[in-house]
N, C-alpha and C. Protein backbone atom coordinates (compact mmCIF):
# COMPACT_ATOMS: atom_id res chain seq x y z
N MET A 1 -43.77 -66.17 67.35
CA MET A 1 -43.52 -65.48 68.90
C MET A 1 -42.53 -66.40 69.59
N THR A 2 -41.77 -65.71 70.49
CA THR A 2 -40.67 -66.39 71.22
C THR A 2 -40.76 -65.95 72.81
N ASP A 3 -40.17 -66.97 73.59
CA ASP A 3 -40.24 -66.56 75.01
C ASP A 3 -39.18 -65.53 75.22
N ARG A 4 -38.19 -65.39 74.30
CA ARG A 4 -37.14 -64.49 74.61
C ARG A 4 -37.03 -63.62 73.56
N PRO A 5 -37.91 -62.48 73.43
CA PRO A 5 -37.84 -61.39 72.54
C PRO A 5 -36.50 -60.81 72.29
N ARG A 6 -36.02 -60.31 71.06
CA ARG A 6 -34.86 -59.56 70.82
C ARG A 6 -35.23 -58.49 69.89
N THR A 7 -34.29 -57.52 70.22
CA THR A 7 -34.39 -56.29 69.32
C THR A 7 -34.18 -56.59 67.95
N PRO A 8 -35.04 -56.26 66.88
CA PRO A 8 -34.71 -56.45 65.65
C PRO A 8 -33.45 -55.67 65.13
N GLY A 9 -32.66 -56.26 64.15
CA GLY A 9 -31.67 -55.69 63.74
C GLY A 9 -31.74 -54.70 62.60
N HIS A 10 -33.02 -54.19 62.43
CA HIS A 10 -33.29 -53.19 61.21
C HIS A 10 -34.32 -52.14 61.57
N ASP A 11 -34.34 -51.34 60.79
CA ASP A 11 -35.11 -49.99 61.19
C ASP A 11 -36.81 -50.53 60.77
N PHE A 12 -37.50 -50.15 61.71
CA PHE A 12 -39.01 -50.22 61.45
C PHE A 12 -39.56 -49.12 60.92
N MET A 13 -39.01 -47.99 61.01
CA MET A 13 -39.60 -46.60 60.58
C MET A 13 -39.92 -46.61 59.21
N GLY A 14 -39.01 -46.63 58.50
CA GLY A 14 -38.96 -46.46 56.92
C GLY A 14 -39.12 -44.89 56.91
N ASP A 15 -39.81 -44.70 55.81
CA ASP A 15 -40.25 -43.41 55.27
C ASP A 15 -41.36 -42.69 56.03
N ASP A 16 -42.25 -43.56 56.54
CA ASP A 16 -43.49 -42.98 57.19
C ASP A 16 -43.84 -43.43 58.59
N HIS A 17 -43.64 -42.64 59.46
CA HIS A 17 -43.77 -43.20 60.92
C HIS A 17 -45.39 -43.72 61.13
N ARG A 18 -46.23 -43.14 60.55
CA ARG A 18 -47.57 -43.38 60.72
C ARG A 18 -47.97 -44.80 60.19
N VAL A 19 -47.47 -45.19 59.02
CA VAL A 19 -47.50 -46.53 58.51
C VAL A 19 -46.92 -47.56 59.27
N ALA A 20 -45.57 -47.12 59.73
CA ALA A 20 -44.73 -48.03 60.51
C ALA A 20 -45.50 -48.38 61.80
N PHE A 21 -46.01 -47.46 62.49
CA PHE A 21 -46.53 -47.51 63.84
C PHE A 21 -47.82 -48.51 63.69
N GLY A 22 -48.67 -48.23 62.68
CA GLY A 22 -49.71 -49.18 62.28
C GLY A 22 -49.40 -50.44 62.16
N GLN A 23 -48.32 -50.65 61.34
CA GLN A 23 -47.89 -52.05 61.06
C GLN A 23 -47.33 -52.86 62.19
N VAL A 24 -46.64 -52.03 63.07
CA VAL A 24 -45.98 -52.65 64.28
C VAL A 24 -47.18 -53.13 65.26
N ALA A 25 -48.14 -52.20 65.25
CA ALA A 25 -49.28 -52.50 66.29
C ALA A 25 -50.06 -53.63 65.65
N ASP A 26 -50.28 -53.70 64.41
CA ASP A 26 -50.95 -54.89 63.84
C ASP A 26 -50.21 -56.13 63.99
N ARG A 27 -48.91 -56.30 63.83
CA ARG A 27 -48.13 -57.49 63.90
C ARG A 27 -48.36 -57.75 65.46
N ALA A 28 -48.17 -56.88 66.50
CA ALA A 28 -48.20 -57.27 67.82
C ALA A 28 -49.57 -57.92 68.13
N MET A 29 -50.58 -57.24 67.69
CA MET A 29 -52.03 -57.78 67.98
C MET A 29 -52.03 -59.08 67.48
N ALA A 30 -51.65 -59.35 66.24
CA ALA A 30 -51.79 -60.68 65.71
C ALA A 30 -50.91 -61.88 66.46
N ALA A 31 -49.83 -61.24 66.97
CA ALA A 31 -48.88 -62.38 67.62
C ALA A 31 -49.53 -62.68 69.13
N TRP A 32 -50.11 -61.68 69.66
CA TRP A 32 -50.72 -61.84 71.03
C TRP A 32 -52.08 -62.74 70.93
N ARG A 33 -52.74 -62.47 69.78
CA ARG A 33 -54.10 -63.32 69.43
C ARG A 33 -53.67 -64.67 69.48
N CYS A 34 -52.66 -65.22 69.11
CA CYS A 34 -52.39 -66.82 68.86
C CYS A 34 -51.40 -67.24 69.96
N ALA A 35 -51.08 -66.23 71.03
CA ALA A 35 -50.11 -66.86 72.06
C ALA A 35 -50.82 -67.56 73.00
N ASP A 36 -50.14 -68.64 73.49
CA ASP A 36 -50.46 -69.29 74.85
C ASP A 36 -50.16 -68.30 76.14
N LEU A 37 -51.36 -67.60 76.65
CA LEU A 37 -51.02 -66.42 77.57
C LEU A 37 -50.69 -67.16 78.96
N HIS A 38 -50.38 -68.19 78.93
CA HIS A 38 -50.01 -68.88 80.30
C HIS A 38 -48.59 -69.28 80.36
N ARG A 39 -47.85 -69.21 79.16
CA ARG A 39 -46.38 -69.54 79.16
C ARG A 39 -45.70 -68.27 79.68
N ARG A 40 -44.47 -68.56 79.79
CA ARG A 40 -43.58 -67.47 80.65
C ARG A 40 -42.92 -66.72 79.39
N CYS A 41 -42.68 -65.50 79.51
CA CYS A 41 -41.77 -64.78 78.70
C CYS A 41 -40.76 -64.03 79.42
N TYR A 42 -39.41 -64.39 78.96
CA TYR A 42 -38.33 -63.93 79.59
C TYR A 42 -37.93 -62.39 78.89
N LEU A 43 -38.18 -61.35 79.45
CA LEU A 43 -37.90 -59.95 78.97
C LEU A 43 -36.56 -59.58 79.79
N PRO A 44 -36.13 -58.62 79.23
CA PRO A 44 -34.77 -58.06 79.87
C PRO A 44 -34.84 -57.55 81.16
N PHE A 45 -35.97 -57.21 81.56
CA PHE A 45 -36.27 -56.58 82.92
C PHE A 45 -37.00 -57.61 83.86
N GLY A 46 -37.34 -58.78 83.43
CA GLY A 46 -37.97 -59.54 84.34
C GLY A 46 -38.78 -60.79 83.58
N THR A 47 -39.27 -61.73 84.36
CA THR A 47 -40.05 -62.90 83.62
C THR A 47 -41.37 -62.71 83.98
N PHE A 48 -42.37 -62.90 82.94
CA PHE A 48 -43.75 -62.64 83.18
C PHE A 48 -44.63 -63.63 82.30
N THR A 49 -45.80 -63.86 82.83
CA THR A 49 -46.56 -64.75 82.06
C THR A 49 -46.90 -63.94 80.63
N ALA A 50 -47.06 -64.75 79.65
CA ALA A 50 -47.62 -64.20 78.33
C ALA A 50 -48.65 -62.95 78.55
N ASP A 51 -49.54 -63.27 79.43
CA ASP A 51 -50.65 -62.31 79.53
C ASP A 51 -50.28 -61.10 80.03
N LEU A 52 -49.32 -60.75 80.99
CA LEU A 52 -48.75 -59.79 81.57
C LEU A 52 -47.67 -59.07 80.44
N ALA A 53 -47.07 -60.04 79.84
CA ALA A 53 -45.95 -59.38 78.88
C ALA A 53 -46.97 -58.56 77.61
N ALA A 54 -48.16 -59.27 77.30
CA ALA A 54 -48.84 -58.56 76.45
C ALA A 54 -49.50 -57.14 77.11
N GLY A 55 -49.77 -57.10 78.21
CA GLY A 55 -50.10 -55.94 78.88
C GLY A 55 -49.06 -54.90 78.68
N ILE A 56 -47.74 -55.45 79.10
CA ILE A 56 -46.64 -54.53 79.01
C ILE A 56 -46.45 -53.88 77.69
N ASN A 57 -46.58 -54.71 76.54
CA ASN A 57 -46.76 -54.19 75.09
C ASN A 57 -47.74 -53.23 75.07
N LEU A 58 -49.00 -53.52 75.57
CA LEU A 58 -50.07 -52.63 75.32
C LEU A 58 -49.76 -51.39 76.06
N PHE A 59 -49.36 -51.18 77.31
CA PHE A 59 -49.26 -49.75 77.87
C PHE A 59 -48.05 -49.06 77.25
N ASP A 60 -47.03 -49.84 76.83
CA ASP A 60 -45.85 -49.23 76.14
C ASP A 60 -46.40 -48.61 74.87
N LEU A 61 -47.16 -49.35 74.07
CA LEU A 61 -47.63 -48.77 72.71
C LEU A 61 -48.62 -47.57 73.09
N LEU A 62 -49.54 -47.67 74.08
CA LEU A 62 -50.36 -46.48 74.39
C LEU A 62 -49.54 -45.36 74.90
N GLY A 63 -48.62 -45.69 75.84
CA GLY A 63 -47.88 -44.29 76.21
C GLY A 63 -47.03 -43.68 75.11
N HIS A 64 -46.25 -44.42 74.35
CA HIS A 64 -45.53 -43.95 73.04
C HIS A 64 -46.34 -43.49 72.13
N GLY A 65 -47.59 -44.21 71.79
CA GLY A 65 -48.48 -43.74 70.93
C GLY A 65 -48.87 -42.20 71.17
N TRP A 66 -49.20 -42.07 72.58
CA TRP A 66 -49.79 -40.83 72.77
C TRP A 66 -48.45 -39.70 72.84
N ASP A 67 -47.44 -40.16 73.13
CA ASP A 67 -46.32 -39.21 72.93
C ASP A 67 -46.11 -38.76 71.62
N ILE A 68 -46.33 -39.70 70.64
CA ILE A 68 -46.25 -39.21 68.96
C ILE A 68 -47.23 -38.38 68.83
N HIS A 69 -48.46 -38.78 69.26
CA HIS A 69 -49.67 -38.02 68.87
C HIS A 69 -49.54 -36.35 69.57
N HIS A 70 -49.08 -36.43 70.81
CA HIS A 70 -48.91 -35.24 71.59
C HIS A 70 -47.86 -34.42 70.68
N ALA A 71 -46.68 -35.00 70.27
CA ALA A 71 -45.44 -34.32 69.85
C ALA A 71 -45.94 -33.69 68.24
N THR A 72 -46.66 -34.56 67.62
CA THR A 72 -46.85 -34.34 66.09
C THR A 72 -48.37 -33.88 65.72
N GLY A 73 -49.27 -34.20 66.74
CA GLY A 73 -50.67 -33.74 66.30
C GLY A 73 -51.18 -34.79 65.56
N ALA A 74 -50.49 -35.77 65.15
CA ALA A 74 -51.11 -37.19 64.57
C ALA A 74 -52.32 -37.68 65.15
N ALA A 75 -53.15 -38.07 64.70
CA ALA A 75 -54.36 -38.67 65.43
C ALA A 75 -53.98 -40.03 65.89
N PHE A 76 -54.63 -40.52 67.10
CA PHE A 76 -54.35 -41.75 67.69
C PHE A 76 -55.53 -42.21 68.39
N SER A 77 -55.93 -43.38 67.94
CA SER A 77 -57.16 -44.07 68.40
C SER A 77 -56.95 -45.30 69.19
N CYS A 78 -57.88 -45.44 70.15
CA CYS A 78 -57.77 -46.48 71.07
C CYS A 78 -58.98 -46.66 71.95
N PRO A 79 -59.58 -47.67 72.03
CA PRO A 79 -61.00 -47.59 72.96
C PRO A 79 -60.71 -47.52 74.31
N PRO A 80 -61.46 -47.06 75.30
CA PRO A 80 -61.35 -47.15 76.56
C PRO A 80 -61.01 -48.37 77.25
N ALA A 81 -61.51 -49.60 76.77
CA ALA A 81 -61.07 -50.77 77.10
C ALA A 81 -59.51 -51.01 77.18
N ALA A 82 -58.90 -50.65 76.20
CA ALA A 82 -57.57 -50.72 75.81
C ALA A 82 -56.73 -49.95 76.94
N TRP A 83 -57.22 -48.68 77.31
CA TRP A 83 -56.65 -47.74 78.32
C TRP A 83 -56.63 -48.43 79.77
N GLU A 84 -57.88 -49.03 79.67
CA GLU A 84 -58.05 -49.86 81.21
C GLU A 84 -57.19 -50.88 81.25
N ALA A 85 -57.00 -51.81 80.19
CA ALA A 85 -56.20 -53.02 80.39
C ALA A 85 -54.69 -52.60 80.43
N GLY A 86 -54.25 -51.37 79.77
CA GLY A 86 -53.03 -50.92 79.75
C GLY A 86 -52.53 -50.46 81.29
N LEU A 87 -53.58 -49.78 81.95
CA LEU A 87 -53.41 -49.32 83.21
C LEU A 87 -53.35 -50.54 84.32
N ASP A 88 -54.21 -51.46 83.94
CA ASP A 88 -54.16 -52.67 84.88
C ASP A 88 -52.70 -53.34 84.83
N ALA A 89 -52.15 -53.48 83.54
CA ALA A 89 -50.82 -54.15 83.42
C ALA A 89 -49.82 -52.96 83.99
N ALA A 90 -49.86 -51.85 83.80
CA ALA A 90 -49.03 -50.96 84.32
C ALA A 90 -48.85 -50.98 85.77
N ARG A 91 -49.91 -51.04 86.38
CA ARG A 91 -50.08 -51.13 87.88
C ARG A 91 -49.33 -52.40 88.47
N ARG A 92 -49.46 -53.46 87.66
CA ARG A 92 -49.06 -54.83 88.11
C ARG A 92 -47.44 -54.84 87.92
N VAL A 93 -46.96 -54.20 86.97
CA VAL A 93 -45.49 -54.02 86.65
C VAL A 93 -44.70 -53.02 87.46
N ILE A 94 -45.25 -51.86 87.24
CA ILE A 94 -44.47 -50.45 87.88
C ILE A 94 -44.40 -50.51 89.27
N ASP A 95 -45.38 -50.63 89.82
CA ASP A 95 -45.69 -50.76 91.44
C ASP A 95 -44.94 -49.65 92.19
N GLU A 96 -44.60 -49.81 93.38
CA GLU A 96 -44.18 -48.79 94.46
C GLU A 96 -42.58 -48.63 94.06
N HIS A 97 -41.97 -49.45 93.36
CA HIS A 97 -40.45 -49.48 93.08
C HIS A 97 -40.41 -48.88 91.61
N ARG A 98 -40.94 -47.80 91.39
CA ARG A 98 -40.88 -47.20 90.11
C ARG A 98 -39.40 -46.74 90.00
N ASP A 99 -39.03 -47.03 88.71
CA ASP A 99 -37.55 -46.78 88.47
C ASP A 99 -37.61 -45.15 87.59
N PRO A 100 -37.05 -44.23 88.32
CA PRO A 100 -37.15 -42.84 87.59
C PRO A 100 -36.55 -42.69 86.30
N ARG A 101 -35.54 -43.80 85.93
CA ARG A 101 -35.05 -43.53 84.76
C ARG A 101 -36.00 -44.07 83.72
N HIS A 102 -37.08 -44.69 83.93
CA HIS A 102 -37.99 -45.22 83.06
C HIS A 102 -39.19 -44.49 83.03
N TYR A 103 -39.73 -44.01 84.25
CA TYR A 103 -41.15 -43.56 84.47
C TYR A 103 -41.00 -42.18 85.25
N ALA A 104 -41.59 -41.03 84.86
CA ALA A 104 -41.68 -39.82 85.80
C ALA A 104 -42.52 -40.42 86.90
N PRO A 105 -42.65 -39.54 87.95
CA PRO A 105 -43.47 -39.78 89.14
C PRO A 105 -45.05 -39.70 88.65
N GLU A 106 -45.81 -40.61 89.19
CA GLU A 106 -47.21 -40.60 88.92
C GLU A 106 -47.88 -39.24 89.17
N ILE A 107 -48.70 -38.91 88.17
CA ILE A 107 -49.43 -37.51 88.28
C ILE A 107 -50.93 -38.07 88.65
N LEU A 108 -51.36 -37.54 89.74
CA LEU A 108 -52.62 -38.06 90.34
C LEU A 108 -53.63 -37.35 89.50
N THR A 109 -54.75 -38.05 89.15
CA THR A 109 -56.05 -37.77 88.45
C THR A 109 -57.13 -37.54 89.19
N PRO A 110 -58.09 -36.75 88.69
CA PRO A 110 -59.14 -36.68 89.61
C PRO A 110 -60.19 -37.82 89.48
N PRO A 111 -60.96 -37.92 90.65
CA PRO A 111 -61.95 -38.99 90.56
C PRO A 111 -62.79 -38.97 89.31
N GLY A 112 -63.20 -40.02 88.64
CA GLY A 112 -64.09 -40.09 87.55
C GLY A 112 -63.13 -39.78 86.23
N ALA A 113 -62.00 -39.51 86.27
CA ALA A 113 -61.07 -39.44 84.86
C ALA A 113 -61.18 -40.62 84.09
N SER A 114 -61.12 -40.24 82.87
CA SER A 114 -61.13 -41.43 81.82
C SER A 114 -60.07 -42.34 82.01
N PRO A 115 -60.16 -43.71 81.42
CA PRO A 115 -58.99 -44.55 81.39
C PRO A 115 -57.77 -43.98 80.89
N GLN A 116 -57.84 -43.22 79.87
CA GLN A 116 -56.75 -42.66 79.18
C GLN A 116 -56.06 -41.70 80.00
N VAL A 117 -56.83 -40.89 80.82
CA VAL A 117 -56.12 -39.74 81.57
C VAL A 117 -55.56 -40.52 82.69
N ARG A 118 -56.09 -41.62 83.27
CA ARG A 118 -55.57 -42.28 84.28
C ARG A 118 -54.19 -43.17 83.93
N LEU A 119 -54.33 -43.64 82.85
CA LEU A 119 -52.94 -44.32 82.33
C LEU A 119 -51.89 -43.49 82.26
N LEU A 120 -52.09 -42.27 81.58
CA LEU A 120 -51.28 -41.34 81.27
C LEU A 120 -50.49 -40.79 82.50
N GLY A 121 -51.57 -40.42 83.55
CA GLY A 121 -51.04 -39.85 84.75
C GLY A 121 -50.12 -41.03 85.47
N TYR A 122 -50.64 -42.30 85.28
CA TYR A 122 -49.75 -43.08 86.11
C TYR A 122 -48.28 -43.31 85.58
N LEU A 123 -48.34 -43.20 84.11
CA LEU A 123 -47.14 -43.33 83.69
C LEU A 123 -46.27 -41.94 83.64
N GLY A 124 -46.80 -40.95 84.42
CA GLY A 124 -46.04 -39.75 84.63
C GLY A 124 -46.22 -38.71 83.53
N ARG A 125 -47.40 -39.07 82.60
CA ARG A 125 -47.54 -37.93 81.48
C ARG A 125 -48.74 -37.21 81.76
N ALA A 126 -48.62 -35.98 81.52
CA ALA A 126 -49.79 -35.01 81.78
C ALA A 126 -50.35 -34.76 80.40
N PRO A 127 -51.83 -35.33 80.26
CA PRO A 127 -52.27 -35.42 79.05
C PRO A 127 -52.60 -34.06 78.51
N GLY A 128 -52.81 -32.89 79.17
CA GLY A 128 -52.98 -31.48 78.68
C GLY A 128 -51.67 -30.78 78.24
N GLY A 129 -50.47 -31.61 78.28
CA GLY A 129 -49.26 -31.01 77.94
C GLY A 129 -48.73 -30.22 79.27
N ARG A 130 -49.13 -30.32 80.39
CA ARG A 130 -48.66 -29.66 81.64
C ARG A 130 -47.31 -30.56 82.03
N THR A 131 -46.58 -29.89 82.76
CA THR A 131 -45.42 -30.65 83.44
C THR A 131 -45.35 -30.17 84.77
N GLY A 132 -44.15 -30.78 85.36
CA GLY A 132 -44.05 -30.44 86.66
C GLY A 132 -45.05 -31.12 87.74
N ASP A 133 -45.42 -30.10 88.74
CA ASP A 133 -46.49 -30.52 89.73
C ASP A 133 -47.80 -30.22 89.21
N GLU A 134 -48.04 -29.72 87.99
CA GLU A 134 -49.48 -29.69 87.58
C GLU A 134 -50.17 -30.89 87.37
N ARG A 135 -51.25 -30.86 87.66
CA ARG A 135 -52.14 -32.10 87.58
C ARG A 135 -52.46 -32.55 86.17
N ALA A 136 -52.92 -33.83 85.91
CA ALA A 136 -53.19 -34.47 84.79
C ALA A 136 -54.67 -34.48 84.50
N GLY A 137 -55.57 -33.77 85.30
CA GLY A 137 -57.04 -33.63 85.10
C GLY A 137 -57.54 -33.18 83.94
N ALA A 138 -56.78 -32.33 83.32
CA ALA A 138 -57.25 -31.63 82.22
C ALA A 138 -57.22 -32.76 80.99
N ARG A 139 -58.30 -32.57 80.15
CA ARG A 139 -58.28 -33.41 78.91
C ARG A 139 -57.25 -33.10 77.84
N SER A 140 -56.89 -34.05 77.10
CA SER A 140 -55.90 -33.68 76.24
C SER A 140 -56.34 -32.61 75.07
N ARG A 141 -55.34 -31.88 74.65
CA ARG A 141 -55.86 -30.82 73.62
C ARG A 141 -56.12 -31.46 72.24
N GLY A 142 -55.34 -32.59 72.12
CA GLY A 142 -55.41 -33.27 70.72
C GLY A 142 -56.62 -34.40 70.87
N ARG A 143 -57.16 -34.89 69.72
CA ARG A 143 -58.19 -35.75 70.01
C ARG A 143 -57.65 -37.19 69.77
N CYS A 144 -58.20 -38.18 70.42
CA CYS A 144 -57.91 -39.44 70.21
C CYS A 144 -58.71 -40.07 69.31
N ALA A 145 -58.17 -40.13 68.19
CA ALA A 145 -59.10 -40.85 67.10
C ALA A 145 -58.27 -40.91 65.74
N GLY A 146 -58.09 -42.37 65.23
CA GLY A 146 -57.42 -42.69 64.18
C GLY A 146 -55.85 -42.72 64.37
N THR A 147 -55.20 -43.46 63.59
CA THR A 147 -53.79 -43.66 63.69
C THR A 147 -53.10 -43.18 62.23
N GLY A 148 -53.81 -42.56 61.38
CA GLY A 148 -53.12 -42.15 60.44
C GLY A 148 -52.69 -40.84 60.18
């Protein structure tokens, strides 16, 4: 693990995106488990505690994992606590100065929505495949189970 992560110079995808996604997720979890979460991480877009950098990694993985699930129909598994932790980190990083080059406007979710729906809405994704001004309150048409 490094305080100054770099983009690797090789292709992580290989021939099977499902295997690659699982391997990257496993490596990230292993790295964060042994990290000193109080140290500083210098990312291209700011300096964060390792704890918050791990949260950024998490909400990035959840958001893009859902994108892959939604686009391909591939199963995607994540417990509610992961979605909740990702939402907490996203709120601490994105805040009211949301950069439209990186995040669509927040889609408001109904009271009592699941952590998954709330994080996806916060990231500007509509879980039911809706776009524009439509609300993200509908459940995802795909199921959130398994990464294979």
